[in-house]
Amino acid sequence: MAYGLVKKAEKDNVEAEPSLKYLKERLRKLQTEKADLLLQAKKLKKVARKRVKNLKKEIKALRKKVKYLRELSGS
């Protein structure tokens, strides 16, 4: 009687575990998603760097303009 319960528990445990095929496929999908996300992050960083560079140029130009206008107005 106890042997039958152990066998049933072992069988239930094996059936509850994901198959190796499923795990392999899930791993492949996750690795692909990771690679895609890393690529997206790299592209977004590049865009962010360009925006920072452009903002710095705009700020520099605005500072020059403010300085010129102050000199012009005698302040």
Protein backbone atom coordinates (compact mmCIF):
# COMPACT_ATOMS: atom_id res chain seq x y z
CA MET A 1 0.00 0.00 0.00
CA ALA A 2 2.71 2.53 0.98
CA TYR A 3 4.73 1.58 -2.13
CA GLY A 4 1.78 2.51 -4.34
CA LEU A 5 1.48 5.94 -2.68
CA VAL A 6 5.20 6.59 -3.18
CA LYS A 7 4.98 5.63 -6.85
CA LYS A 8 1.93 7.88 -7.32
CA ALA A 9 3.72 10.80 -5.61
CA GLU A 10 6.79 10.29 -7.82
CA LYS A 11 4.59 10.16 -10.92
CA ASP A 12 2.71 13.32 -9.89
CA ASN A 13 6.00 15.11 -9.21
CA VAL A 14 7.42 14.20 -12.64
CA GLU A 15 4.25 15.37 -14.35
CA ALA A 16 4.30 18.65 -12.42
CA GLU A 17 7.82 19.50 -13.60
CA PRO A 18 8.15 21.25 -16.94
CA SER A 19 9.52 19.15 -19.75
CA LEU A 20 13.09 19.61 -20.87
CA LYS A 21 11.80 20.64 -24.29
CA TYR A 22 9.70 23.39 -22.70
CA LEU A 23 12.62 24.58 -20.56
CA LYS A 24 14.95 24.63 -23.56
CA GLU A 25 12.45 26.67 -25.58
CA ARG A 26 11.79 29.05 -22.68
CA LEU A 27 15.52 29.56 -22.18
CA ARG A 28 15.99 30.30 -25.89
CA LYS A 29 13.15 32.85 -25.85
CA LEU A 30 14.51 34.57 -22.76
CA GLN A 31 18.01 34.77 -24.23
CA THR A 32 16.58 36.29 -27.42
CA GLU A 33 14.56 38.81 -25.41
CA LYS A 34 17.64 39.72 -23.37
CA ALA A 35 19.67 40.33 -26.53
CA ASP A 36 16.88 42.48 -27.99
CA LEU A 37 16.61 44.53 -24.80
CA LEU A 38 20.36 45.07 -24.64
CA LEU A 39 20.33 46.30 -28.23
CA GLN A 40 17.42 48.65 -27.51
CA ALA A 41 19.21 50.00 -24.44
CA LYS A 42 22.35 50.62 -26.49
CA LYS A 43 20.38 52.53 -29.14
CA LEU A 44 18.53 54.57 -26.52
CA LYS A 45 21.79 55.51 -24.81
CA LYS A 46 23.14 56.73 -28.14
CA VAL A 47 20.04 58.87 -28.71
CA ALA A 48 20.26 60.24 -25.15
CA ARG A 49 23.93 61.17 -25.62
CA LYS A 50 23.06 63.08 -28.81
CA ARG A 51 20.25 64.93 -27.05
CA VAL A 52 22.56 65.91 -24.19
CA LYS A 53 25.16 67.14 -26.67
CA ASN A 54 22.57 69.22 -28.53
CA LEU A 55 21.16 70.67 -25.31
CA LYS A 56 24.65 71.67 -24.20
CA LYS A 57 25.14 73.50 -27.51
CA GLU A 58 21.78 75.28 -27.14
CA ILE A 59 22.57 76.30 -23.56
CA LYS A 60 25.98 77.61 -24.60
CA ALA A 61 24.39 79.67 -27.37
CA LEU A 62 21.72 81.02 -25.01
CA ARG A 63 24.35 82.00 -22.43
CA LYS A 64 26.26 83.92 -25.11
CA LYS A 65 23.05 85.63 -26.17
CA VAL A 66 22.18 86.60 -22.58
CA LYS A 67 25.71 87.89 -22.02
CA TYR A 68 25.56 89.95 -25.20
CA LEU A 69 22.15 91.38 -24.30
CA ARG A 70 23.32 92.30 -20.80
CA GLU A 71 26.36 94.08 -22.25
CA LEU A 72 24.15 95.81 -24.76
CA SER A 73 21.72 97.01 -22.11
CA GLY A 74 24.53 98.05 -19.78
CA SER A 75 23.51 95.73 -16.93
